[in-house]
Amino acid sequence: MLNVIADTDPNGIWHFGDLGSFLTNSPNKFQGGIASTLSPRNLRQNLFGVYLQDDWRWKPNLTLNLACATK
């Protein structure tokens, strides 16, 4: 389980149109909040995973290996 407290956009969000504008530090859009309006946000995430495997012998010289994984 991930349990984090983070401020919303503490450094703002910078948008660059292409690699050249990024390398020359020329953003085409900036989104930022006023420092006093930033409030902590609680982020929580749970991850569950399942893995199944089975071998099925169809013929004496043919075996199928079945596997399934999900997250």
C-alpha atoms as a PDB file:
ATOM      1  CA  MET A   1       0.000   0.000   0.000  1.00  0.00           C
ATOM      2  CA  LEU A   2       1.229   3.459  -0.900  1.00  0.00           C
ATOM      3  CA  ASN A   3       0.232   6.230   1.502  1.00  0.00           C
ATOM      4  CA  VAL A   4       1.704   9.666   0.720  1.00  0.00           C
ATOM      5  CA  ILE A   5       0.996  13.275   1.609  1.00  0.00           C
ATOM      6  CA  ALA A   6       1.955  15.694  -1.174  1.00  0.00           C
ATOM      7  CA  ASP A   7       1.422  19.358  -1.969  1.00  0.00           C
ATOM      8  CA  THR A   8      -0.460  20.126  -5.148  1.00  0.00           C
ATOM      9  CA  ASP A   9       1.826  21.550  -7.837  1.00  0.00           C
ATOM     10  CA  PRO A  10       4.467  23.041  -5.512  1.00  0.00           C
ATOM     11  CA  ASN A  11       6.657  24.020  -8.506  1.00  0.00           C
ATOM     12  CA  GLY A  12       3.913  24.553 -11.044  1.00  0.00           C
ATOM     13  CA  ILE A  13       3.367  22.703 -14.314  1.00  0.00           C
ATOM     14  CA  TRP A  14       5.536  23.701 -17.268  1.00  0.00           C
ATOM     15  CA  HIS A  15       4.469  22.923 -20.853  1.00  0.00           C
ATOM     16  CA  PHE A  16       6.984  22.919 -23.707  1.00  0.00           C
ATOM     17  CA  GLY A  17       5.972  22.705 -27.354  1.00  0.00           C
ATOM     18  CA  ASP A  18       9.009  20.752 -28.519  1.00  0.00           C
ATOM     19  CA  LEU A  19      12.495  19.631 -27.534  1.00  0.00           C
ATOM     20  CA  GLY A  20      14.073  22.879 -28.744  1.00  0.00           C
ATOM     21  CA  SER A  21      11.887  25.020 -26.494  1.00  0.00           C
ATOM     22  CA  PHE A  22      12.669  22.710 -23.576  1.00  0.00           C
ATOM     23  CA  LEU A  23      16.421  22.967 -24.155  1.00  0.00           C
ATOM     24  CA  THR A  24      16.250  26.775 -24.405  1.00  0.00           C
ATOM     25  CA  ASN A  25      13.933  27.026 -21.401  1.00  0.00           C
ATOM     26  CA  SER A  26      11.080  28.648 -23.346  1.00  0.00           C
ATOM     27  CA  PRO A  27       7.797  27.185 -22.106  1.00  0.00           C
ATOM     28  CA  ASN A  28       4.664  27.973 -24.064  1.00  0.00           C
ATOM     29  CA  LYS A  29       2.412  27.521 -21.008  1.00  0.00           C
ATOM     30  CA  PHE A  30       2.808  27.580 -17.233  1.00  0.00           C
ATOM     31  CA  GLN A  31       0.257  26.603 -14.606  1.00  0.00           C
ATOM     32  CA  GLY A  32       0.916  27.405 -10.994  1.00  0.00           C
ATOM     33  CA  GLY A  33      -0.946  28.195  -7.831  1.00  0.00           C
ATOM     34  CA  ILE A  34      -0.406  30.872  -5.251  1.00  0.00           C
ATOM     35  CA  ALA A  35       1.827  29.451  -2.527  1.00  0.00           C
ATOM     36  CA  SER A  36      -0.660  30.191   0.252  1.00  0.00           C
ATOM     37  CA  THR A  37      -3.429  28.290  -1.583  1.00  0.00           C
ATOM     38  CA  LEU A  38      -1.443  25.048  -1.827  1.00  0.00           C
ATOM     39  CA  SER A  39      -2.845  22.442   0.488  1.00  0.00           C
ATOM     40  CA  PRO A  40      -1.583  18.943   1.233  1.00  0.00           C
ATOM     41  CA  ARG A  41      -3.337  16.097  -0.516  1.00  0.00           C
ATOM     42  CA  ASN A  42      -3.496  12.580   0.855  1.00  0.00           C
ATOM     43  CA  LEU A  43      -2.791   9.965  -1.798  1.00  0.00           C
ATOM     44  CA  ARG A  44      -3.514   6.298  -1.131  1.00  0.00           C
ATOM     45  CA  GLN A  45      -3.150   3.373  -3.526  1.00  0.00           C
ATOM     46  CA  ASN A  46      -3.618  -0.373  -3.155  1.00  0.00           C
ATOM     47  CA  LEU A  47      -2.256  -2.838  -5.705  1.00  0.00           C
ATOM     48  CA  PHE A  48      -3.306  -6.451  -5.924  1.00  0.00           C
ATOM     49  CA  GLY A  49      -1.922  -9.080  -8.265  1.00  0.00           C
ATOM     50  CA  VAL A  50      -2.806 -12.622  -9.265  1.00  0.00           C
ATOM     51  CA  TYR A  51      -0.708 -15.231 -11.070  1.00  0.00           C
ATOM     52  CA  LEU A  52      -2.150 -18.528 -12.308  1.00  0.00           C
ATOM     53  CA  GLN A  53      -0.292 -21.351 -14.030  1.00  0.00           C
ATOM     54  CA  ASP A  54      -1.364 -24.772 -15.265  1.00  0.00           C
ATOM     55  CA  ASP A  55       0.177 -27.507 -17.429  1.00  0.00           C
ATOM     56  CA  TRP A  56      -2.198 -29.449 -19.654  1.00  0.00           C
ATOM     57  CA  ARG A  57      -0.953 -32.594 -21.388  1.00  0.00           C
ATOM     58  CA  TRP A  58      -2.901 -32.876 -24.603  1.00  0.00           C
ATOM     59  CA  LYS A  59      -0.926 -35.717 -26.170  1.00  0.00           C
ATOM     60  CA  PRO A  60       2.048 -37.750 -24.903  1.00  0.00           C
ATOM     61  CA  ASN A  61       4.437 -35.502 -26.844  1.00  0.00           C
ATOM     62  CA  LEU A  62       2.488 -32.192 -26.508  1.00  0.00           C
ATOM     63  CA  THR A  63       2.041 -30.249 -23.279  1.00  0.00           C
ATOM     64  CA  LEU A  64       0.469 -26.808 -23.083  1.00  0.00           C
ATOM     65  CA  ASN A  65       1.772 -24.444 -20.421  1.00  0.00           C
ATOM     66  CA  LEU A  66      -0.896 -21.885 -19.546  1.00  0.00           C
ATOM     67  CA  ALA A  67      -0.076 -18.814 -17.496  1.00  0.00           C
ATOM     68  CA  CYS A  68      -1.985 -15.653 -16.692  1.00  0.00           C
ATOM     69  CA  ALA A  69      -0.841 -12.664 -14.659  1.00  0.00           C
ATOM     70  CA  THR A  70      -2.814  -9.585 -13.730  1.00  0.00           C
ATOM     71  CA  LYS A  71      -2.094  -6.571 -11.618  1.00  0.00           C
END
